[in-house]
Amino acid sequence: MKRKPKVFLRLSKKSHPLYEELWKYPPKEIKYVFRKDLEHYSKNKVPLARKVRNFIWTLFLKIGVPIVPFFREDCDLIHSTNSISLISNKPWVLDAEVEHGMVGLSHWKEKSPIYRFIVRAILKQKNCKKIMLFSDHARESFLRSFGEEFRNKVETVHAAQHINKSKKRIKKRREVTLIFMARKFEEKGGYEVLEVFNKLKKENKCKLIMVSNFPGKIKKACLDDEDILLVKGNLQKDELSVYLQKADIFIYPSRTEANYGTVLLDAMANKLPVVANNFYATPEVIQDGKNGFLVNPLIKLYDFNGRYLQKNDQDYLLKYKKIYQGDNLRRERYLNEIYDKTLKLIKDPKLRRKMGERGFKLVSKGKFSIGERNKKLVRIYREALKS
């Protein structure tokens, strides 16, 4: 029997949950090798020693480029996630959610000639075989930032979502249930969801499930509201699925996104239509009017070409908060658009079902499916090993 190529999957200390979809559902033709103590992302307690290492790494990323030396003689190829290999003599490929993932998710470093020079020099190495971005938008933004000379080295490999075939959809009650899921309540639009829902429920039979890490004042405000269920966040994907199966509409007016919220794929895998902000690569996931609705964000975060318009995320979020709390006209216009599009789905069960099926098709058989992603990865790995 022909030996499977061994690929060292380098996971960062704080690996994004989407990488579970990689090591749990790998290509059959490949054998992944990775650190077993990084398998569980959010629920398990993190040892003190790793917390210290994570803290030091976070400090380093504020000034440095995420360059990681690899010494893996037992593997044929290295697949680095959101970091750059410098010392390894093995062929390697890397992926990144967005182009500034190459510089520690820092927009100012991406714009710095010094950092771009360092990153370009490393990515030009002969043993760097492929640069994989999670969206077409991110791929084109990378080429604008780092140069067209990388055109043949860069490829879009979309994030993927498995379909849980063992669980049946929970039979719906008469009221429509909305669901919001995000680890960061305020940053991902939790306050906006509550405002819209409180307006919707005045004239419609509806419920709201929120899975997040909640500020104390939100817990207190929703304590006696029978129409709102608050679920503490940091759940594993299978646990999230339990709540998604109880819902009819996924609502996600995130204030900021680096690329697109991968939680949208979880919603689509559960046949839910989505209402989300029109940020960056979100239109690649949510096709407006097809598998959900897109909303014009309160503030533009990127221009038409995907260039970041703000100084940094911290300043942007402060600016957003100031406008949201101080400019009633803009806030109401924005919330009304979320309200109108959500109401349309509440009133039309056939539309909900049709949109949900379209989204499901994208993650079960389309570009966000495990099968399509794995086909691309096998081809990329084989090409990297041949060249």
Protein backbone atom coordinates (compact mmCIF):
# COMPACT_ATOMS: atom_id res chain seq x y z
CA MET A 1 0.00 0.00 0.00
CA LYS A 2 1.30 3.41 -0.93
CA ARG A 3 2.40 5.45 2.11
CA LYS A 4 0.30 8.49 2.94
CA PRO A 5 2.27 11.76 2.98
CA LYS A 6 2.75 13.03 6.54
CA VAL A 7 1.85 16.70 6.95
CA PHE A 8 2.76 18.54 10.12
CA LEU A 9 -0.21 20.76 10.92
CA ARG A 10 1.20 23.66 12.86
CA LEU A 11 -1.61 25.04 15.03
CA SER A 12 -1.14 28.33 16.83
CA LYS A 13 -1.44 28.56 20.61
CA LYS A 14 -4.93 30.02 20.21
CA SER A 15 -6.13 28.11 17.18
CA HIS A 16 -9.35 29.33 15.63
CA PRO A 17 -12.28 26.90 16.09
CA LEU A 18 -12.50 26.47 12.30
CA TYR A 19 -9.30 24.40 12.45
CA GLU A 20 -11.28 21.71 14.26
CA GLU A 21 -12.92 21.16 10.88
CA LEU A 22 -9.46 20.42 9.50
CA TRP A 23 -8.00 17.99 12.02
CA LYS A 24 -11.31 16.26 12.74
CA TYR A 25 -12.23 15.86 9.03
CA PRO A 26 -8.90 15.59 7.20
CA PRO A 27 -8.30 14.43 3.63
CA LYS A 28 -8.20 10.62 3.59
CA GLU A 29 -5.10 10.66 1.42
CA ILE A 30 -3.08 12.59 4.04
CA LYS A 31 -1.84 11.82 7.55
CA TYR A 32 -1.78 14.90 9.78
CA VAL A 33 0.63 15.20 12.69
CA PHE A 34 -0.08 17.87 15.31
CA ARG A 35 0.13 18.59 19.02
CA LYS A 36 -2.63 16.71 20.81
CA ASP A 37 -2.83 19.18 23.68
CA LEU A 38 -4.17 21.83 21.28
CA GLU A 39 -7.17 19.80 20.17
CA HIS A 40 -9.72 21.43 22.47
CA TYR A 41 -10.07 25.13 21.82
CA SER A 42 -12.45 26.71 24.29
CA LYS A 43 -13.89 24.43 26.93
CA ASN A 44 -10.92 22.73 28.54
CA LYS A 45 -8.95 24.55 31.20
CA VAL A 46 -5.66 25.96 29.91
CA PRO A 47 -2.57 25.02 31.97
CA LEU A 48 -0.73 27.93 33.62
CA ALA A 49 2.48 27.26 31.68
CA ARG A 50 0.63 27.58 28.37
CA LYS A 51 -1.08 30.77 29.57
CA VAL A 52 2.37 32.25 30.20
CA ARG A 53 3.60 31.17 26.75
CA ASN A 54 0.46 32.58 25.14
CA PHE A 55 0.98 35.89 26.96
CA ILE A 56 4.60 36.16 25.77
CA TRP A 57 3.57 35.29 22.20
CA THR A 58 0.85 37.95 22.27
CA LEU A 59 3.36 40.57 23.42
CA PHE A 60 5.77 39.52 20.67
CA LEU A 61 3.07 39.88 18.01
CA LYS A 62 2.61 43.54 18.95
CA ILE A 63 6.03 44.31 17.46
CA GLY A 64 7.12 41.21 15.56
CA VAL A 65 6.05 39.09 12.59
CA PRO A 66 4.56 35.67 13.50
CA ILE A 67 7.60 33.69 12.33
CA VAL A 68 7.86 30.17 13.74
CA PRO A 69 10.89 27.89 13.32
CA PHE A 70 10.03 24.28 12.49
CA PHE A 71 12.16 21.19 12.92
CA ARG A 72 10.04 18.24 11.82
CA GLU A 73 12.22 15.65 10.15
CA ASP A 74 9.47 13.03 10.65
CA CYS A 75 7.11 14.81 8.23
CA ASP A 76 7.12 15.35 4.48
CA LEU A 77 5.45 18.76 4.46
CA ILE A 78 4.53 21.55 6.86
CA HIS A 79 1.14 23.27 6.85
CA SER A 80 1.41 26.42 8.93
CA THR A 81 -1.73 28.17 10.15
CA ASN A 82 -1.56 31.97 10.41
CA SER A 83 2.23 31.98 10.85
CA ILE A 84 5.34 31.96 8.71
CA SER A 85 8.10 29.33 8.65
CA LEU A 86 11.66 30.62 8.58
CA ILE A 87 14.15 27.89 9.44
CA SER A 88 12.59 24.67 8.20
CA ASN A 89 14.26 23.01 5.21
CA LYS A 90 11.03 21.13 4.46
CA PRO A 91 8.54 22.31 1.84
CA TRP A 92 5.80 24.28 3.53
CA VAL A 93 2.47 25.89 2.79
CA LEU A 94 0.57 28.36 4.91
CA ASP A 95 -2.95 29.58 5.30
CA ALA A 96 -4.32 32.82 6.69
CA GLU A 97 -7.81 34.11 7.29
CA VAL A 98 -6.84 37.49 5.82
CA GLU A 99 -3.76 39.14 4.35
CA HIS A 100 -2.75 40.88 7.59
CA GLY A 101 -2.75 37.46 9.24
CA MET A 102 0.82 37.32 7.89
CA VAL A 103 1.77 40.08 10.36
CA GLY A 104 -0.12 39.05 13.47
CA LEU A 105 -3.51 40.45 12.34
CA SER A 106 -2.08 43.97 12.55
CA HIS A 107 -3.25 46.52 9.99
CA TRP A 108 -0.48 49.02 10.76
CA LYS A 109 2.20 46.35 10.28
CA GLU A 110 0.61 45.33 6.99
CA LYS A 111 1.04 48.93 5.79
CA SER A 112 4.63 49.17 7.09
CA PRO A 113 7.30 48.88 4.32
CA ILE A 114 9.65 47.16 6.78
CA TYR A 115 7.20 44.42 7.75
CA ARG A 116 6.09 43.94 4.14
CA PHE A 117 9.74 43.57 3.09
CA ILE A 118 10.34 40.89 5.75
CA VAL A 119 7.19 38.95 4.88
CA ARG A 120 7.80 39.18 1.13
CA ALA A 121 11.37 37.89 1.53
CA ILE A 122 10.20 34.86 3.51
CA LEU A 123 7.28 34.07 1.19
CA LYS A 124 9.63 34.18 -1.80
CA GLN A 125 11.57 31.21 -0.42
CA LYS A 126 11.67 28.24 -2.77
CA ASN A 127 10.38 25.88 -0.09
CA CYS A 128 7.32 28.11 0.49
CA LYS A 129 5.05 26.35 -1.99
CA LYS A 130 1.58 27.84 -1.51
CA ILE A 131 -0.19 30.70 0.29
CA MET A 132 -3.82 29.87 1.01
CA LEU A 133 -6.37 32.57 1.87
CA PHE A 134 -9.87 31.86 3.20
CA SER A 135 -11.71 34.04 0.67
CA ASP A 136 -11.32 35.52 -2.81
CA HIS A 137 -11.51 38.95 -1.20
CA ALA A 138 -8.59 38.16 1.10
CA ARG A 139 -6.60 36.71 -1.82
CA GLU A 140 -6.96 39.87 -3.89
CA SER A 141 -6.22 42.08 -0.86
CA PHE A 142 -3.05 40.06 -0.27
CA LEU A 143 -1.91 40.59 -3.84
CA ARG A 144 -2.52 44.33 -3.57
CA SER A 145 -0.50 44.46 -0.34
CA PHE A 146 2.38 42.13 -1.21
CA GLY A 147 2.53 42.21 -5.00
CA GLU A 148 1.27 40.52 -8.18
CA GLU A 149 4.46 38.45 -8.33
CA PHE A 150 2.75 36.07 -5.87
CA ARG A 151 -0.24 35.51 -8.16
CA ASN A 152 0.73 31.91 -9.02
CA LYS A 153 1.60 31.12 -5.41
CA VAL A 154 -1.68 32.32 -3.87
CA GLU A 155 -4.94 30.39 -3.87
CA THR A 156 -8.32 30.61 -2.19
CA VAL A 157 -9.14 27.66 0.07
CA HIS A 158 -12.42 28.40 1.80
CA ALA A 159 -13.13 27.41 5.37
CA ALA A 160 -15.35 24.33 5.54
CA GLN A 161 -18.10 23.04 7.79
CA HIS A 162 -19.09 19.43 8.41
CA ILE A 163 -22.72 18.36 8.36
CA ASN A 164 -23.97 16.58 11.46
CA LYS A 165 -26.09 13.84 9.89
CA SER A 166 -26.81 12.02 13.13
CA LYS A 167 -29.05 14.71 14.60
CA LYS A 168 -32.54 15.54 13.38
CA ARG A 169 -33.94 19.03 13.22
CA ILE A 170 -36.03 19.85 16.26
CA LYS A 171 -39.70 20.30 15.44
CA LYS A 172 -40.64 23.96 15.55
CA ARG A 173 -43.19 25.57 17.79
CA ARG A 174 -45.59 28.19 16.52
CA GLU A 175 -43.35 31.14 17.41
CA VAL A 176 -40.26 31.97 15.34
CA THR A 177 -36.92 31.65 17.13
CA LEU A 178 -33.97 33.93 16.36
CA ILE A 179 -30.45 33.00 17.38
CA PHE A 180 -27.25 35.00 17.89
CA MET A 181 -23.88 33.35 18.57
CA ALA A 182 -20.55 35.04 19.29
CA ARG A 183 -17.85 34.87 21.95
CA LYS A 184 -17.57 38.68 22.01
CA PHE A 185 -21.02 40.02 22.79
CA GLU A 186 -20.59 43.74 22.10
CA GLU A 187 -18.10 43.48 19.23
CA LYS A 188 -20.29 41.03 17.31
CA GLY A 189 -23.50 43.04 17.63
CA GLY A 190 -25.21 41.67 20.73
CA TYR A 191 -26.68 45.01 21.77
CA GLU A 192 -28.06 45.57 18.28
CA VAL A 193 -29.72 42.14 18.31
CA LEU A 194 -31.45 42.86 21.61
CA GLU A 195 -32.75 46.23 20.40
CA VAL A 196 -34.12 44.73 17.19
CA PHE A 197 -35.66 41.75 19.00
CA ASN A 198 -37.42 43.90 21.61
CA LYS A 199 -39.03 45.82 18.76
CA LEU A 200 -39.95 42.65 16.83
CA LYS A 201 -41.61 40.85 19.72
CA LYS A 202 -44.10 43.68 20.28
CA GLU A 203 -46.04 42.59 17.21
CA ASN A 204 -44.76 39.07 16.49
CA LYS A 205 -44.61 35.77 18.34
CA CYS A 206 -40.89 35.23 18.55
CA LYS A 207 -38.14 34.02 20.86
CA LEU A 208 -34.42 34.79 21.04
CA ILE A 209 -31.51 32.49 21.92
CA MET A 210 -28.17 34.23 22.58
CA VAL A 211 -24.98 32.20 23.01
CA SER A 212 -22.16 34.46 24.16
CA ASN A 213 -20.15 35.85 27.07
CA PHE A 214 -22.51 38.42 28.53
CA PRO A 215 -21.86 41.67 30.40
CA GLY A 216 -23.41 41.67 33.87
CA LYS A 217 -25.98 44.30 32.96
CA ILE A 218 -27.29 42.13 30.10
CA LYS A 219 -27.70 39.12 32.40
CA LYS A 220 -29.64 41.28 34.82
CA ALA A 221 -31.81 42.91 32.13
CA CYS A 222 -32.81 39.56 30.58
CA LEU A 223 -33.20 37.63 33.82
CA ASP A 224 -37.01 37.76 33.91
CA ASP A 225 -37.64 37.82 30.17
CA GLU A 226 -39.24 34.51 29.21
CA ASP A 227 -38.72 35.23 25.52
CA ILE A 228 -34.92 35.40 25.78
CA LEU A 229 -32.61 32.48 26.58
CA LEU A 230 -29.02 33.40 27.49
CA VAL A 231 -26.47 30.60 27.10
CA LYS A 232 -22.90 31.07 28.30
CA GLY A 233 -20.49 30.96 25.37
CA ASN A 234 -17.27 29.01 24.72
CA LEU A 235 -19.18 25.92 23.65
CA GLN A 236 -17.86 23.20 21.38
CA LYS A 237 -19.30 22.99 17.87
CA ASP A 238 -21.55 20.02 18.61
CA GLU A 239 -22.96 21.87 21.62
CA LEU A 240 -23.64 24.94 19.49
CA SER A 241 -25.51 22.74 17.03
CA VAL A 242 -28.07 21.82 19.72
CA TYR A 243 -29.18 25.46 19.94
CA LEU A 244 -28.97 26.10 16.20
CA GLN A 245 -31.39 23.23 15.61
CA LYS A 246 -33.96 25.00 17.80
CA ALA A 247 -33.81 28.21 15.75
CA ASP A 248 -35.39 29.56 12.55
CA ILE A 249 -33.24 32.63 11.75
CA PHE A 250 -29.59 33.42 12.45
CA ILE A 251 -28.95 37.11 13.15
CA TYR A 252 -25.37 38.42 13.20
CA PRO A 253 -24.92 42.22 12.87
CA SER A 254 -21.22 42.11 13.79
CA ARG A 255 -19.51 45.45 14.28
CA THR A 256 -16.27 44.15 12.81
CA GLU A 257 -14.97 41.14 10.89
CA ALA A 258 -11.46 40.30 9.72
CA ASN A 259 -12.87 38.24 6.85
CA TYR A 260 -16.32 36.75 7.46
CA GLY A 261 -17.78 35.20 10.58
CA THR A 262 -17.19 31.46 10.27
CA VAL A 263 -20.16 30.99 12.62
CA LEU A 264 -22.22 31.76 9.51
CA LEU A 265 -21.19 28.33 8.20
CA ASP A 266 -22.51 26.71 11.38
CA ALA A 267 -25.84 28.44 10.78
CA MET A 268 -25.96 27.36 7.13
CA ALA A 269 -25.12 23.76 8.10
CA ASN A 270 -28.31 23.85 10.17
CA LYS A 271 -30.40 25.25 7.29
CA LEU A 272 -30.85 28.69 8.80
CA PRO A 273 -31.26 31.87 6.72
CA VAL A 274 -28.87 34.59 7.88
CA VAL A 275 -29.13 38.33 8.45
CA ALA A 276 -25.59 39.77 8.59
CA ASN A 277 -23.60 42.92 7.93
CA ASN A 278 -22.11 43.45 4.49
CA PHE A 279 -18.44 43.34 5.51
CA TYR A 280 -15.39 42.41 3.46
CA ALA A 281 -15.87 38.78 2.29
CA THR A 282 -19.29 38.17 3.87
CA PRO A 283 -20.99 38.40 0.42
CA GLU A 284 -18.98 35.32 -0.61
CA VAL A 285 -20.85 33.39 2.11
CA ILE A 286 -24.21 35.17 2.28
CA GLN A 287 -25.60 35.90 -1.17
CA ASP A 288 -28.05 38.72 -0.56
CA GLY A 289 -31.59 37.54 -1.21
CA LYS A 290 -30.47 33.94 -1.86
CA ASN A 291 -29.45 32.34 1.44
CA GLY A 292 -29.96 35.39 3.64
CA PHE A 293 -29.95 39.17 3.74
CA LEU A 294 -27.03 41.60 3.94
CA VAL A 295 -27.31 44.85 5.87
CA ASN A 296 -25.34 48.05 5.26
CA PRO A 297 -23.04 48.48 8.30
CA LEU A 298 -23.24 51.53 10.53
CA ILE A 299 -19.67 52.51 9.56
CA LYS A 300 -17.64 51.40 6.55
CA LEU A 301 -14.73 49.27 7.68
CA TYR A 302 -13.32 48.51 4.22
CA ASP A 303 -13.52 50.22 0.84
CA PHE A 304 -14.76 48.54 -2.34
CA ASN A 305 -11.31 47.02 -2.97
CA GLY A 306 -11.04 45.58 0.52
CA ARG A 307 -8.65 48.23 1.86
CA TYR A 308 -8.98 48.85 5.58
CA LEU A 309 -10.33 52.37 6.13
CA GLN A 310 -9.71 52.75 9.86
CA LYS A 311 -6.57 53.36 11.90
CA ASN A 312 -6.92 50.13 13.87
CA ASP A 313 -9.67 47.93 15.30
CA GLN A 314 -9.56 49.53 18.75
CA ASP A 315 -10.03 53.08 17.43
CA TYR A 316 -12.72 51.87 15.05
CA LEU A 317 -14.74 50.19 17.81
CA LEU A 318 -14.54 53.34 19.95
CA LYS A 319 -15.71 55.39 16.97
CA TYR A 320 -18.54 52.93 16.36
CA LYS A 321 -19.63 53.08 20.00
CA LYS A 322 -19.64 56.88 19.95
CA ILE A 323 -21.86 56.99 16.86
CA TYR A 324 -24.13 54.16 18.06
CA GLN A 325 -24.75 55.89 21.37
CA GLY A 326 -24.73 59.49 20.16
CA ASP A 327 -26.16 59.64 16.63
CA ASN A 328 -29.78 58.54 17.00
CA LEU A 329 -30.64 59.08 13.34
CA ARG A 330 -27.86 56.84 12.01
CA ARG A 331 -28.44 54.20 14.68
CA GLU A 332 -32.19 54.03 13.98
CA ARG A 333 -31.64 53.84 10.22
CA TYR A 334 -29.22 50.97 10.72
CA LEU A 335 -31.39 49.08 13.24
CA ASN A 336 -34.47 49.56 11.05
CA GLU A 337 -32.73 47.81 8.15
CA ILE A 338 -31.90 44.82 10.38
CA TYR A 339 -35.50 44.90 11.67
CA ASP A 340 -37.08 45.03 8.20
CA LYS A 341 -35.03 42.12 6.82
CA THR A 342 -35.53 39.98 9.90
CA LEU A 343 -39.27 40.73 9.89
CA LYS A 344 -39.49 39.64 6.26
CA LEU A 345 -38.12 36.23 7.27
CA ILE A 346 -40.40 35.99 10.30
CA LYS A 347 -43.45 36.61 8.12
CA ASP A 348 -42.49 34.22 5.33
CA PRO A 349 -41.77 30.60 6.37
CA LYS A 350 -41.41 29.49 2.73
CA LEU A 351 -38.69 32.08 2.18
CA ARG A 352 -36.93 30.95 5.35
CA ARG A 353 -37.01 27.34 4.19
CA LYS A 354 -35.82 28.19 0.68
CA MET A 355 -32.94 30.34 1.92
CA GLY A 356 -31.98 27.73 4.49
CA GLU A 357 -31.79 25.02 1.83
CA ARG A 358 -29.60 27.19 -0.41
CA GLY A 359 -27.18 27.86 2.42
CA PHE A 360 -27.13 24.19 3.37
CA LYS A 361 -26.20 23.25 -0.18
CA LEU A 362 -23.15 25.53 -0.04
CA VAL A 363 -21.78 23.74 3.04
CA SER A 364 -22.88 20.21 2.16
CA LYS A 365 -21.81 20.09 -1.49
CA GLY A 366 -20.52 23.54 -2.46
CA LYS A 367 -17.38 25.61 -1.89
CA PHE A 368 -17.70 25.52 1.92
CA SER A 369 -18.02 21.73 2.11
CA ILE A 370 -15.43 19.42 3.67
CA GLY A 371 -15.23 17.48 0.40
CA GLU A 372 -14.39 20.50 -1.76
CA ARG A 373 -11.84 21.82 0.73
CA ASN A 374 -10.11 18.45 1.06
CA LYS A 375 -9.88 18.03 -2.73
CA LYS A 376 -8.04 21.35 -2.94
CA LEU A 377 -5.74 20.52 -0.04
CA VAL A 378 -4.74 17.13 -1.47
CA ARG A 379 -3.89 18.74 -4.81
CA ILE A 380 -1.92 21.55 -3.13
CA TYR A 381 0.02 19.14 -0.91
CA ARG A 382 0.88 16.85 -3.84
CA GLU A 383 2.03 19.75 -5.98
CA ALA A 384 4.15 21.06 -3.10
CA LEU A 385 5.84 17.68 -2.66
CA LYS A 386 6.54 17.29 -6.38
CA SER A 387 8.07 20.72 -7.03
